[in-house]
Amino acid sequence: MGKLRYVVEQTFALLHHFKRLAVRWERRTELHDAFVSLACSLICWRRLNRPES
């Protein structure tokens, strides 16, 4: 349970780096959902493209 909780909390922390998602300004939920999807895809892209060390 501890490992799963860490992953979820880490994901929330990464999403809060996108300021527009931390404070929801959009009135339409479709726009907010689109920004969340975009942020998740950017997070995944950055994780997959890490340089090998």
C-alpha atoms as a PDB file:
ATOM      1  CA  MET A   1       0.000   0.000   0.000  1.00  0.00           C
ATOM      2  CA  GLY A   2       2.846   2.414   0.732  1.00  0.00           C
ATOM      3  CA  LYS A   3       4.346   2.084  -2.739  1.00  0.00           C
ATOM      4  CA  LEU A   4       1.020   2.756  -4.443  1.00  0.00           C
ATOM      5  CA  ARG A   5       0.365   5.794  -2.282  1.00  0.00           C
ATOM      6  CA  TYR A   6       3.806   7.218  -3.118  1.00  0.00           C
ATOM      7  CA  VAL A   7       3.104   6.919  -6.849  1.00  0.00           C
ATOM      8  CA  VAL A   8      -0.243   8.684  -6.526  1.00  0.00           C
ATOM      9  CA  GLU A   9       1.168  11.499  -4.386  1.00  0.00           C
ATOM     10  CA  GLN A  10       4.113  11.909  -6.754  1.00  0.00           C
ATOM     11  CA  THR A  11       1.716  12.179  -9.690  1.00  0.00           C
ATOM     12  CA  PHE A  12      -0.312  14.864  -7.912  1.00  0.00           C
ATOM     13  CA  ALA A  13       2.880  16.781  -7.158  1.00  0.00           C
ATOM     14  CA  LEU A  14       3.921  16.604 -10.805  1.00  0.00           C
ATOM     15  CA  LEU A  15       0.510  17.812 -11.936  1.00  0.00           C
ATOM     16  CA  HIS A  16       0.691  20.785  -9.563  1.00  0.00           C
ATOM     17  CA  HIS A  17       3.791  22.003 -11.405  1.00  0.00           C
ATOM     18  CA  PHE A  18       1.374  23.024 -14.153  1.00  0.00           C
ATOM     19  CA  LYS A  19      -0.036  26.210 -12.645  1.00  0.00           C
ATOM     20  CA  ARG A  20      -3.164  26.181 -14.748  1.00  0.00           C
ATOM     21  CA  LEU A  21      -4.145  22.833 -13.223  1.00  0.00           C
ATOM     22  CA  ALA A  22      -3.384  23.832  -9.637  1.00  0.00           C
ATOM     23  CA  VAL A  23      -6.015  26.577  -9.800  1.00  0.00           C
ATOM     24  CA  ARG A  24      -8.885  25.722 -12.080  1.00  0.00           C
ATOM     25  CA  TRP A  25      -9.821  28.788 -14.101  1.00  0.00           C
ATOM     26  CA  GLU A  26     -11.874  27.202 -16.843  1.00  0.00           C
ATOM     27  CA  ARG A  27     -15.606  27.127 -16.463  1.00  0.00           C
ATOM     28  CA  ARG A  28     -16.017  24.215 -18.840  1.00  0.00           C
ATOM     29  CA  THR A  29     -14.951  20.819 -17.538  1.00  0.00           C
ATOM     30  CA  GLU A  30     -13.961  19.673 -21.040  1.00  0.00           C
ATOM     31  CA  LEU A  31     -11.155  22.245 -21.146  1.00  0.00           C
ATOM     32  CA  HIS A  32      -9.899  21.251 -17.710  1.00  0.00           C
ATOM     33  CA  ASP A  33      -9.972  17.567 -18.682  1.00  0.00           C
ATOM     34  CA  ALA A  34      -8.033  18.372 -21.842  1.00  0.00           C
ATOM     35  CA  PHE A  35      -5.347  20.211 -19.860  1.00  0.00           C
ATOM     36  CA  VAL A  36      -5.085  17.317 -17.404  1.00  0.00           C
ATOM     37  CA  SER A  37      -4.649  14.885 -20.298  1.00  0.00           C
ATOM     38  CA  LEU A  38      -2.029  17.122 -21.874  1.00  0.00           C
ATOM     39  CA  ALA A  39      -0.150  17.437 -18.581  1.00  0.00           C
ATOM     40  CA  CYS A  40      -0.202  13.655 -18.078  1.00  0.00           C
ATOM     41  CA  SER A  41       1.120  13.077 -21.567  1.00  0.00           C
ATOM     42  CA  LEU A  42       3.920  15.631 -21.014  1.00  0.00           C
ATOM     43  CA  ILE A  43       4.877  13.943 -17.745  1.00  0.00           C
ATOM     44  CA  CYS A  44       5.006  10.544 -19.468  1.00  0.00           C
ATOM     45  CA  TRP A  45       6.991  11.990 -22.382  1.00  0.00           C
ATOM     46  CA  ARG A  46       9.577  13.482 -20.032  1.00  0.00           C
ATOM     47  CA  ARG A  47       9.891  10.203 -18.125  1.00  0.00           C
ATOM     48  CA  LEU A  48      10.392   8.168 -21.290  1.00  0.00           C
ATOM     49  CA  ASN A  49      12.944  10.572 -22.789  1.00  0.00           C
ATOM     50  CA  ARG A  50      15.320  10.708 -19.836  1.00  0.00           C
ATOM     51  CA  PRO A  51      18.945  10.521 -20.909  1.00  0.00           C
ATOM     52  CA  GLU A  52      20.690   7.271 -20.063  1.00  0.00           C
ATOM     53  CA  SER A  53      23.258   7.733 -17.304  1.00  0.00           C
END
